[in-house]
Protein backbone atom coordinates (compact mmCIF):
# COMPACT_ATOMS: atom_id res chain seq x y z
CA MET A 1 18.10 -44.25 -45.33
CA LYS A 2 21.19 -46.32 -44.53
CA ARG A 3 20.42 -47.51 -41.03
CA VAL A 4 17.60 -47.67 -38.52
CA ARG A 5 17.81 -48.16 -34.76
CA VAL A 6 14.83 -49.67 -32.96
CA ARG A 7 14.27 -50.38 -29.28
CA ALA A 8 11.86 -53.04 -27.98
CA PRO A 9 10.97 -53.90 -24.37
CA GLY A 10 11.23 -57.06 -22.39
CA LYS A 11 8.11 -58.26 -20.60
CA ILE A 12 6.95 -59.78 -17.38
CA ASN A 13 3.84 -61.87 -16.91
CA ALA A 14 1.70 -60.47 -14.11
CA SER A 15 -0.37 -63.62 -14.44
CA PHE A 16 0.19 -66.82 -16.35
CA ARG A 17 -2.33 -69.65 -16.46
CA VAL A 18 -1.39 -72.80 -18.34
CA GLY A 19 -4.00 -75.15 -19.73
CA PRO A 20 -3.70 -78.51 -21.47
CA LEU A 21 -1.34 -79.45 -24.26
CA ARG A 22 -2.59 -78.64 -27.76
CA THR A 23 -2.31 -80.89 -30.77
CA ASP A 24 0.43 -78.60 -32.17
CA GLY A 25 2.66 -79.29 -29.17
CA TYR A 26 2.03 -75.97 -27.41
CA HIS A 27 -0.10 -75.34 -24.33
CA PHE A 28 -3.20 -73.21 -24.07
CA VAL A 29 -2.40 -70.17 -21.91
CA ALA A 30 -4.05 -67.06 -20.52
CA SER A 31 -1.52 -64.39 -19.67
CA THR A 32 -1.38 -60.78 -18.56
CA TYR A 33 1.64 -59.21 -20.25
CA LEU A 34 3.36 -56.06 -19.05
CA ALA A 35 6.13 -54.41 -21.07
CA VAL A 36 8.85 -53.02 -18.80
CA SER A 37 11.71 -50.55 -19.16
CA LEU A 38 14.44 -53.09 -19.86
CA TYR A 39 15.11 -52.84 -23.58
CA GLU A 40 16.76 -54.66 -26.42
CA GLU A 41 18.12 -52.52 -29.26
CA VAL A 42 18.65 -53.46 -32.90
CA LEU A 43 20.67 -51.34 -35.34
CA ALA A 44 19.81 -52.39 -38.89
CA THR A 45 22.37 -51.24 -41.47
CA ALA A 46 21.82 -51.57 -45.21
CA LYS A 47 24.35 -53.58 -47.21
CA PRO A 48 24.18 -52.08 -50.72
CA GLY A 49 24.78 -54.46 -53.59
CA THR A 50 23.67 -57.55 -51.68
CA PRO A 51 20.31 -59.35 -52.01
CA ALA A 52 17.61 -58.74 -49.40
CA GLY A 53 18.00 -62.29 -48.09
CA ASP A 54 21.62 -61.57 -47.12
CA VAL A 55 21.17 -61.08 -43.37
CA THR A 56 24.07 -61.02 -40.93
CA VAL A 57 24.01 -60.40 -37.20
CA SER A 58 26.41 -59.44 -34.43
CA ILE A 59 26.15 -58.67 -30.72
CA SER A 60 27.09 -55.14 -29.67
CA PRO A 61 29.91 -54.68 -27.14
CA ALA A 62 27.54 -52.24 -25.41
CA SER A 63 25.45 -55.23 -24.25
CA THR A 64 25.25 -55.46 -20.47
CA LEU A 65 24.82 -59.23 -20.09
CA ASP A 66 27.53 -61.63 -19.04
CA PRO A 67 29.94 -62.34 -21.93
CA ALA A 68 29.60 -66.07 -21.40
CA ALA A 69 25.84 -65.79 -21.84
CA LEU A 70 26.24 -63.58 -24.91
CA ALA A 71 28.49 -66.22 -26.45
CA THR A 72 25.57 -68.67 -26.48
CA ILE A 73 23.49 -66.51 -28.83
CA PRO A 74 23.26 -68.05 -32.32
CA LEU A 75 24.40 -65.81 -35.17
CA ASP A 76 22.69 -67.78 -37.93
CA ASP A 77 19.14 -68.71 -38.91
CA ASP A 78 18.47 -69.92 -35.37
CA ASN A 79 18.49 -66.27 -34.29
CA LEU A 80 14.95 -64.88 -34.21
CA ALA A 81 16.14 -61.49 -35.46
CA VAL A 82 17.66 -63.07 -38.58
CA ARG A 83 14.43 -64.92 -39.24
CA ALA A 84 12.44 -61.72 -38.70
CA ALA A 85 14.56 -59.85 -41.26
CA ARG A 86 14.02 -62.62 -43.78
CA LEU A 87 10.27 -62.49 -43.28
CA VAL A 88 10.24 -58.79 -44.11
CA ALA A 89 12.58 -59.40 -47.06
CA ASP A 90 10.10 -61.91 -48.47
CA VAL A 91 7.42 -59.23 -48.76
CA SER A 92 9.72 -56.31 -49.64
CA GLU A 93 10.76 -55.03 -53.04
CA SER A 94 14.14 -54.08 -51.63
CA THR A 95 17.22 -55.54 -53.28
CA CYS A 96 19.48 -54.76 -50.35
CA GLY A 97 20.82 -57.01 -47.59
CA VAL A 98 21.06 -55.96 -43.96
CA HIS A 99 23.37 -56.29 -40.99
CA LEU A 100 21.77 -56.44 -37.54
CA GLU A 101 23.73 -55.31 -34.49
CA ILE A 102 21.88 -56.31 -31.33
CA THR A 103 22.48 -54.67 -27.98
CA LYS A 104 21.34 -57.11 -25.30
CA HIS A 105 19.99 -56.06 -21.90
CA VAL A 106 17.14 -58.51 -21.36
CA PRO A 107 18.30 -61.81 -19.77
CA ILE A 108 18.84 -64.70 -22.17
CA ALA A 109 16.40 -67.57 -21.53
CA GLY A 110 15.18 -65.53 -18.58
CA GLY A 111 11.42 -65.61 -19.11
CA MET A 112 11.29 -61.98 -20.29
CA GLY A 113 11.07 -62.43 -24.06
CA GLY A 114 14.45 -60.98 -24.97
CA GLY A 115 14.75 -62.89 -28.24
CA SER A 116 11.18 -61.94 -29.11
CA ALA A 117 12.02 -58.27 -28.46
CA ASP A 118 14.97 -58.62 -30.85
CA ALA A 119 12.63 -60.03 -33.49
CA ALA A 120 10.06 -57.28 -32.97
CA ALA A 121 12.70 -54.56 -33.20
CA THR A 122 14.06 -56.16 -36.38
CA LEU A 123 10.61 -56.27 -38.00
CA VAL A 124 10.15 -52.53 -37.39
CA ALA A 125 13.72 -51.68 -38.43
CA CYS A 126 13.68 -53.64 -41.69
CA ASP A 127 10.22 -52.36 -42.60
CA ALA A 128 11.56 -48.80 -42.27
CA LEU A 129 14.93 -49.53 -43.88
CA TRP A 130 13.37 -51.11 -46.96
CA HIS A 131 10.31 -48.80 -47.11
CA THR A 132 8.07 -51.83 -47.10
CA GLY A 133 5.09 -49.92 -45.66
CA LEU A 134 3.69 -52.70 -43.51
CA SER A 135 1.10 -51.80 -40.88
CA ARG A 136 1.59 -52.76 -37.25
CA GLU A 137 -1.08 -55.43 -37.71
CA GLU A 138 0.81 -56.88 -40.67
CA LEU A 139 4.07 -56.81 -38.72
CA SER A 140 2.31 -58.55 -35.85
CA GLN A 141 1.08 -61.28 -38.20
CA LEU A 142 4.66 -61.83 -39.35
CA GLY A 143 5.84 -61.81 -35.75
CA ALA A 144 3.35 -64.48 -34.76
CA GLU A 145 5.16 -66.84 -37.14
CA LEU A 146 8.24 -66.49 -34.91
CA GLY A 147 6.68 -66.92 -31.49
CA ALA A 148 3.83 -65.88 -29.23
CA ASP A 149 5.79 -63.12 -27.47
CA VAL A 150 6.81 -61.25 -30.64
CA PRO A 151 3.42 -59.60 -31.28
CA PHE A 152 3.38 -58.32 -27.70
CA ALA A 153 6.89 -56.85 -28.00
CA LEU A 154 5.52 -54.91 -30.99
CA LEU A 155 2.42 -53.80 -29.09
CA GLY A 156 3.92 -53.02 -25.69
CA GLY A 157 1.89 -51.59 -22.83
CA ALA A 158 -0.27 -54.15 -21.07
CA ALA A 159 -2.27 -56.88 -22.75
CA VAL A 160 -4.15 -60.11 -22.26
CA GLY A 161 -2.82 -63.01 -24.31
CA LEU A 162 -4.93 -66.09 -25.05
CA GLY A 163 -4.44 -69.13 -27.26
CA VAL A 164 -0.70 -69.70 -27.06
CA GLY A 165 -0.36 -66.09 -25.89
CA ASP A 166 -0.52 -64.57 -29.36
CA ARG A 167 -4.22 -63.59 -29.36
CA LEU A 168 -3.70 -60.17 -27.83
CA THR A 169 -6.15 -57.67 -26.41
CA ALA A 170 -4.75 -54.42 -25.06
CA ALA A 171 -5.43 -53.81 -21.36
CA LEU A 172 -5.86 -50.39 -19.78
CA ALA A 173 -2.93 -49.58 -17.49
CA PRO A 174 -2.52 -45.79 -17.39
CA THR A 175 -0.23 -45.62 -14.36
CA ALA A 176 3.36 -46.83 -14.19
CA LEU A 177 3.98 -49.66 -11.77
CA HIS A 178 7.41 -50.22 -10.29
CA TRP A 179 9.25 -53.51 -10.12
CA VAL A 180 12.62 -54.95 -9.23
CA LEU A 181 13.97 -57.67 -11.49
CA VAL A 182 16.46 -60.19 -10.12
CA GLN A 183 18.41 -61.94 -12.85
CA SER A 184 20.00 -65.36 -12.54
CA ASP A 185 23.39 -66.39 -13.88
CA PHE A 186 21.71 -69.24 -15.79
CA GLY A 187 18.79 -69.68 -18.15
CA LEU A 188 15.88 -72.08 -18.21
CA SER A 189 14.60 -73.79 -21.34
CA THR A 190 10.95 -72.90 -21.88
CA PRO A 191 10.02 -76.38 -23.22
CA LEU A 192 11.79 -77.96 -20.26
CA VAL A 193 9.78 -75.86 -17.79
CA TYR A 194 6.50 -76.74 -19.50
CA GLY A 195 7.52 -80.38 -19.44
CA ALA A 196 8.23 -80.14 -15.72
CA LEU A 197 4.79 -78.63 -15.18
CA ASP A 198 3.17 -81.54 -17.02
CA THR A 199 5.13 -83.94 -14.81
CA LEU A 200 4.02 -82.14 -11.65
CA ARG A 201 0.41 -82.34 -12.80
CA ASP A 202 0.81 -86.12 -13.10
CA GLY A 203 -1.67 -86.59 -15.91
CA ALA A 204 -4.34 -84.25 -14.54
CA GLU A 205 -5.62 -82.12 -17.40
CA PRO A 206 -6.66 -78.58 -16.48
CA PRO A 207 -9.41 -76.73 -18.36
CA VAL A 208 -8.59 -74.47 -21.30
CA PRO A 209 -8.07 -70.99 -19.82
CA ASP A 210 -10.29 -68.53 -21.68
CA GLN A 211 -9.71 -65.41 -19.58
CA VAL A 212 -7.41 -63.87 -17.00
CA ASP A 213 -8.36 -62.94 -13.46
CA PRO A 214 -10.51 -59.78 -13.76
CA HIS A 215 -9.04 -58.54 -10.49
CA ILE A 216 -5.67 -58.18 -12.21
CA LEU A 217 -7.20 -56.03 -14.94
CA ALA A 218 -8.96 -53.92 -12.32
CA ALA A 219 -5.69 -53.44 -10.43
CA LEU A 220 -3.89 -52.38 -13.63
CA ARG A 221 -6.67 -49.93 -14.49
CA ALA A 222 -6.46 -48.44 -11.01
CA GLY A 223 -2.66 -48.42 -10.99
CA ASP A 224 -2.88 -49.90 -7.50
CA PRO A 225 0.20 -51.99 -6.59
CA ALA A 226 -1.29 -53.17 -3.30
CA LEU A 227 -4.34 -54.51 -5.11
CA LEU A 228 -2.19 -56.08 -7.83
CA ALA A 229 0.05 -57.78 -5.27
CA GLY A 230 -2.75 -60.10 -4.23
CA CYS A 231 -3.45 -61.19 -7.82
CA LEU A 232 -0.02 -62.10 -9.18
CA ALA A 233 0.16 -65.75 -10.17
CA ASN A 234 2.19 -68.02 -12.45
CA ASP A 235 1.33 -71.68 -13.05
CA LEU A 236 4.89 -72.24 -14.30
CA GLN A 237 6.47 -71.10 -11.04
CA PRO A 238 6.42 -74.49 -9.24
CA ALA A 239 7.92 -76.13 -12.33
CA ALA A 240 10.70 -73.53 -12.58
CA VAL A 241 11.49 -73.92 -8.87
CA SER A 242 11.56 -77.71 -9.23
CA LEU A 243 14.26 -77.33 -11.90
CA ALA A 244 16.14 -74.56 -10.08
CA PRO A 245 15.44 -74.83 -6.33
CA GLY A 246 17.57 -71.78 -5.58
CA LEU A 247 14.81 -69.60 -7.03
CA ALA A 248 12.77 -70.18 -3.90
CA GLU A 249 15.48 -68.35 -1.94
CA VAL A 250 15.31 -65.40 -4.35
CA LEU A 251 11.53 -65.20 -4.03
CA ASP A 252 11.83 -65.25 -0.23
CA ALA A 253 14.64 -62.68 -0.26
CA GLY A 254 12.37 -60.15 -1.94
CA LYS A 255 9.53 -60.74 0.49
CA ALA A 256 11.90 -60.47 3.46
CA ARG A 257 13.04 -57.05 2.21
CA GLY A 258 9.58 -55.64 1.79
CA ALA A 259 8.48 -56.49 -1.75
CA LEU A 260 4.69 -56.37 -2.01
CA ALA A 261 4.79 -59.62 -3.98
CA THR A 262 7.29 -61.76 -5.85
CA LEU A 263 6.89 -64.14 -8.76
CA ILE A 264 8.88 -65.80 -11.49
CA SER A 265 8.34 -64.16 -14.86
CA GLY A 266 7.08 -66.56 -17.50
CA SER A 267 9.19 -69.71 -17.60
CA GLY A 268 11.90 -68.00 -15.52
CA PRO A 269 14.39 -67.79 -14.03
CA THR A 270 14.06 -63.99 -13.77
CA VAL A 271 12.18 -63.03 -10.60
CA ALA A 272 9.91 -59.96 -10.66
CA MET A 273 9.25 -58.15 -7.38
CA LEU A 274 6.45 -55.61 -7.09
CA ALA A 275 7.23 -52.36 -5.27
CA ALA A 276 4.90 -49.74 -3.83
CA ASP A 277 6.43 -46.86 -5.80
CA GLU A 278 9.63 -45.72 -7.52
CA ARG A 279 11.46 -44.94 -4.27
CA HIS A 280 10.54 -48.32 -2.82
CA ALA A 281 11.82 -50.02 -5.98
CA ARG A 282 15.15 -48.17 -5.79
CA ASN A 283 15.61 -49.04 -2.14
CA LEU A 284 14.62 -52.67 -2.65
CA SER A 285 17.02 -52.97 -5.58
CA ALA A 286 19.83 -51.47 -3.52
CA GLU A 287 19.21 -53.84 -0.59
CA LEU A 288 19.14 -56.87 -2.84
CA GLY A 289 22.26 -55.69 -4.63
CA ALA A 290 24.06 -55.32 -1.32
CA ALA A 291 23.07 -58.91 -0.52
CA GLY A 292 24.67 -60.13 -3.73
CA TYR A 293 21.67 -60.37 -6.04
CA ALA A 294 21.69 -58.99 -9.59
CA ALA A 295 18.79 -56.61 -9.04
CA GLN A 296 17.50 -53.80 -11.23
CA ALA A 297 14.57 -51.40 -10.80
CA VAL A 298 12.23 -51.01 -13.80
CA GLN A 299 8.77 -49.68 -14.50
CA GLY A 300 5.92 -50.62 -16.75
CA PRO A 301 3.92 -50.49 -18.86
CA VAL A 302 6.09 -48.92 -21.55
CA HIS A 303 5.70 -48.56 -25.32
CA GLY A 304 6.39 -51.43 -27.68
CA ALA A 305 9.03 -51.55 -30.44
CA HIS A 306 9.83 -48.05 -31.69
CA ARG A 307 12.49 -46.26 -33.71
CA VAL A 308 15.03 -44.19 -31.80
CA LEU A 309 17.45 -43.15 -34.58
CA ASP A 310 17.42 -43.04 -38.37
CA SER A 311 20.35 -41.92 -40.45
């Protein structure tokens, strides 16, 4: 096997509760993750004659994001995909390096876990390329070293995330739900958004969240968008809006055009708008596009990181 292509989904947070700051510098959270049909793709190509730790990365010209945004992506050890490849190399008997070509579709610093999807896809690709034979659980343990969203990008579907979001329990969501994503032409730093939330709380310490709203899980099980619409919530949304006030206009624009509900995904600034069905999502996306918003219809839940081509 000379190369492996793996696709991994971005995510939205149907709910996101944020608790107090932990001693490790992270916050306790309780989140409902949903993998959606906006994918990152990693093509891992073997480099014969080089050591396994020789990892290089490039961004594919097939990427659909703004070139200026793509230019901000690090191509060294600060790239999560590079670090993911090195983690697999550390436990592999392979003596071969790898080049990673990443095709970007998930917004950068958009609250949808694009970098985590790259890392998840790389873990699966390098495991296959080097015949390492790691289980999904073992890959997830490696992924947790890179960030809380990486294990979910491996799992996909719908899940509850506790702790810092990495303690995952799969949630039953048998029916596809339809969303419209509105991307911004800027990113938001996740630590900065959390810091803004702490400032807004003005020293008040919330309890440690140990579960998500059961109504959300019931709505996902039923596949009922109307029921889900009343449950969507994100504690980080006020903080994101305080840093980027224009997001309030985007949230209102979706509601004005018939979205069942709107919320900022994760730390933002991507806005997720819930639609009643596929046709509603297409129409809502078209209306928002005509109004000048970068809107795209997606569905979820979808599968986690998976191979799409070996050669």
